[in-house]
Protein backbone atom coordinates (compact mmCIF):
# COMPACT_ATOMS: atom_id res chain seq x y z
CA MET A 1 -14.32 -41.35 -49.22
CA GLU A 2 -16.74 -42.66 -46.76
CA MET A 3 -18.71 -40.47 -44.34
CA ARG A 4 -16.85 -41.94 -41.38
CA GLU A 5 -13.46 -40.98 -42.85
CA ARG A 6 -14.71 -37.43 -43.53
CA LEU A 7 -15.85 -37.04 -39.91
CA PHE A 8 -12.52 -38.40 -38.69
CA ILE A 9 -10.59 -35.84 -40.82
CA LEU A 10 -12.95 -33.04 -39.71
CA ALA A 11 -12.42 -33.99 -36.06
CA TRP A 12 -8.62 -33.86 -36.48
CA VAL A 13 -8.83 -30.49 -38.26
CA CYS A 14 -10.96 -29.09 -35.41
CA ILE A 15 -8.61 -30.50 -32.75
CA THR A 16 -5.61 -29.00 -34.60
CA ILE A 17 -7.29 -25.56 -34.84
CA VAL A 18 -8.25 -25.61 -31.15
CA ALA A 19 -4.73 -26.70 -30.13
CA ALA A 20 -3.15 -23.97 -32.28
CA GLY A 21 -5.52 -21.37 -30.77
CA MET A 22 -4.72 -22.52 -27.24
CA GLY A 23 -1.00 -22.38 -28.06
CA LEU A 24 -1.36 -18.84 -29.37
CA LEU A 25 -3.32 -17.76 -26.28
CA PHE A 26 -0.67 -19.35 -24.02
CA TYR A 27 2.11 -17.57 -25.94
CA TRP A 28 0.31 -14.20 -25.79
CA SER A 29 -0.35 -14.62 -22.08
CA PHE A 30 3.08 -15.69 -20.85
CA TYR A 31 5.70 -14.46 -23.31
CA PRO A 32 8.13 -12.19 -21.37
CA TYR A 33 7.83 -8.98 -23.42
CA LYS A 34 10.73 -6.60 -22.76
CA ILE A 35 9.68 -3.36 -24.39
CA MET A 36 11.96 -0.95 -22.60
CA THR A 37 14.61 -0.73 -19.89
CA ILE A 38 15.30 2.47 -17.98
CA LYS A 39 18.50 3.37 -16.16
CA ASN A 40 17.78 4.65 -12.61
CA GLN A 41 14.16 3.58 -13.04
CA MET A 42 13.15 4.44 -9.47
CA SER A 43 15.21 7.63 -9.17
CA LEU A 44 15.18 9.54 -12.47
CA PRO A 45 17.33 12.68 -12.27
CA ILE A 46 15.62 16.08 -12.33
CA ASP A 47 16.98 19.53 -13.24
CA LYS A 48 16.53 21.19 -9.80
CA LYS A 49 16.04 20.19 -6.18
CA VAL A 50 13.61 23.03 -5.33
CA TYR A 51 10.67 24.20 -7.44
CA GLN A 52 8.02 26.84 -7.09
CA ALA A 53 4.37 26.01 -7.75
CA GLY A 54 3.86 26.74 -11.45
CA ASP A 55 7.42 25.73 -12.46
CA ARG A 56 8.10 23.20 -15.20
CA ILE A 57 9.84 19.98 -14.10
CA ILE A 58 12.45 18.56 -16.42
CA TYR A 59 13.53 14.97 -15.81
CA THR A 60 16.07 12.88 -17.68
CA LEU A 61 15.11 9.53 -19.16
CA ASP A 62 18.03 7.23 -20.03
CA TYR A 63 16.40 4.26 -21.78
CA CYS A 64 16.72 1.45 -24.30
CA LYS A 65 13.52 0.59 -26.19
CA THR A 66 13.29 -2.58 -28.26
CA MET A 67 9.79 -2.50 -29.77
CA ASP A 68 8.22 0.23 -31.90
CA ILE A 69 4.90 0.37 -30.09
CA THR A 70 2.79 3.28 -28.85
CA GLY A 71 1.87 3.25 -25.19
CA LYS A 72 -0.10 5.23 -22.66
CA LEU A 73 1.77 7.25 -20.07
CA PHE A 74 0.06 7.87 -16.72
CA ARG A 75 1.81 10.44 -14.50
CA ALA A 76 1.20 11.88 -11.05
CA ILE A 77 2.95 14.14 -8.58
CA SER A 78 2.86 12.62 -5.13
CA ASP A 79 3.83 12.94 -1.46
CA GLY A 80 0.75 11.67 0.36
CA ILE A 81 -1.25 14.07 -1.78
CA THR A 82 -1.48 12.71 -5.32
CA VAL A 83 -2.30 14.92 -8.28
CA ASN A 84 -2.79 13.04 -11.56
CA TYR A 85 -1.76 14.57 -14.85
CA GLU A 86 -3.54 13.98 -18.14
CA THR A 87 -2.82 10.57 -19.69
CA ILE A 88 -0.87 10.89 -22.92
CA GLU A 89 0.04 8.55 -25.76
CA SER A 90 3.76 8.22 -26.23
CA ASN A 91 5.99 6.45 -28.72
CA ILE A 92 9.56 7.42 -27.97
CA PRO A 93 12.13 6.24 -30.52
CA VAL A 94 13.45 2.67 -30.56
CA GLY A 95 17.08 2.27 -29.49
CA CYS A 96 19.11 3.62 -26.59
CA HIS A 97 18.67 7.35 -25.96
CA ILE A 98 18.90 9.99 -23.24
CA ILE A 99 16.07 12.53 -23.43
CA ASN A 100 14.86 15.37 -21.24
CA ARG A 101 11.11 15.46 -20.66
CA GLY A 102 9.78 18.86 -19.65
CA ASP A 103 6.05 18.59 -20.16
CA LEU A 104 4.92 18.65 -16.50
CA VAL A 105 4.05 21.84 -14.64
CA ILE A 106 3.69 21.85 -10.85
CA PRO A 107 0.08 22.82 -10.06
CA GLU A 108 -0.39 26.29 -8.56
CA PHE A 109 -2.55 24.91 -5.75
CA LEU A 110 0.01 22.34 -4.55
CA PRO A 111 1.07 22.91 -0.93
CA SER A 112 4.74 23.07 0.07
CA GLY A 113 6.44 19.74 0.69
CA GLU A 114 8.70 17.04 -0.71
CA TYR A 115 7.33 15.35 -3.82
CA PHE A 116 8.27 13.03 -6.66
CA ILE A 117 6.81 12.26 -10.09
CA ARG A 118 5.43 8.72 -10.38
CA SER A 119 4.83 7.37 -13.89
CA THR A 120 3.42 4.21 -15.40
CA SER A 121 3.81 3.28 -19.05
CA GLU A 122 1.33 0.78 -20.45
CA TRP A 123 1.58 -0.98 -23.81
CA GLN A 124 -1.05 -3.20 -25.46
CA VAL A 125 1.33 -5.84 -26.86
CA ASN A 126 -1.34 -8.18 -28.26
CA PRO A 127 -5.15 -8.49 -28.20
CA ILE A 128 -5.26 -9.98 -24.69
CA ARG A 129 -2.26 -8.54 -22.84
CA ARG A 130 -0.97 -5.22 -21.55
CA VAL A 131 2.56 -4.75 -20.25
CA THR A 132 3.28 -2.01 -17.69
CA MET A 133 6.44 -0.39 -16.37
CA ASN A 134 6.69 1.94 -13.37
CA PHE A 135 9.28 4.62 -12.78
CA LYS A 136 9.66 7.74 -10.64
CA THR A 137 11.89 10.77 -10.22
CA GLU A 138 14.18 11.54 -7.35
CA PRO A 139 12.46 13.60 -4.64
CA PHE A 140 12.28 17.38 -4.89
CA GLU A 141 10.90 20.21 -2.79
CA VAL A 142 7.95 22.34 -3.85
CA ILE A 143 7.41 25.78 -2.36
CA SER A 144 3.83 26.99 -2.70
CA LYS A 145 3.14 30.52 -3.93
CA SER A 146 1.70 31.54 -0.56
CA ASP A 147 4.71 30.19 1.38
CA LEU A 148 7.10 31.89 -1.00
CA GLN A 149 5.42 35.25 -0.48
CA LEU A 150 5.52 34.83 3.31
CA ASP A 151 9.14 33.62 3.31
CA GLN A 152 10.55 36.24 0.96
CA VAL A 153 9.53 39.28 2.91
CA GLU A 154 9.32 39.53 6.68
CA ILE A 155 8.34 42.73 8.37
CA ASN A 156 10.42 42.98 11.53
CA THR A 157 10.54 46.22 13.49
CA GLY A 158 10.01 48.34 10.41
CA GLN A 159 12.73 46.64 8.31
CA ILE A 160 12.23 44.36 5.32
CA LYS A 161 14.44 41.26 5.28
CA ILE A 162 14.67 38.86 2.37
CA ASN A 163 15.01 35.16 3.06
CA THR A 164 17.97 34.59 0.75
CA ASP A 165 18.36 30.86 1.48
CA ARG A 166 15.10 29.93 -0.21
CA LEU A 167 15.63 32.41 -3.05
CA ASN A 168 19.14 31.03 -3.70
CA ASN A 169 17.74 27.49 -3.89
CA LEU A 170 15.20 28.59 -6.48
CA THR A 171 17.85 30.12 -8.73
CA GLN A 172 20.14 27.07 -8.68
């Protein structure tokens, strides 16, 4: 084989490798990965409507997961004030399941108000791409420890009255 033929073959091999690499990068960048679907994604059900600061929130996740891949889960409690929780790694089972997650505790310092849990799952699906999914719980009320103490007992003309409405909501 002549030198010119060798260079011609080498050029075609290089062009083929570059084209294959560009095809792979294009595929990685634009393939529509569908890792998980969640029922009621923007209004996940919770176990109670009223919580006290320090209570554990339990929310229900009704999902179908198609890829066995570990992701990062970013969570925050929010209502204008946003308190971020620790980021965790999560790999819930593949398939369709309904699970109750109860790993979030309402911070003791959180003021009274209406809140929701906002979460983002992030998966590294290939070396150049991350896929994210957002979801949140239905709204719920938080009663701070200081408000609860003030609301439970009122001193009125020497009598102690208990605010049973708020206490009944807490026990439901």
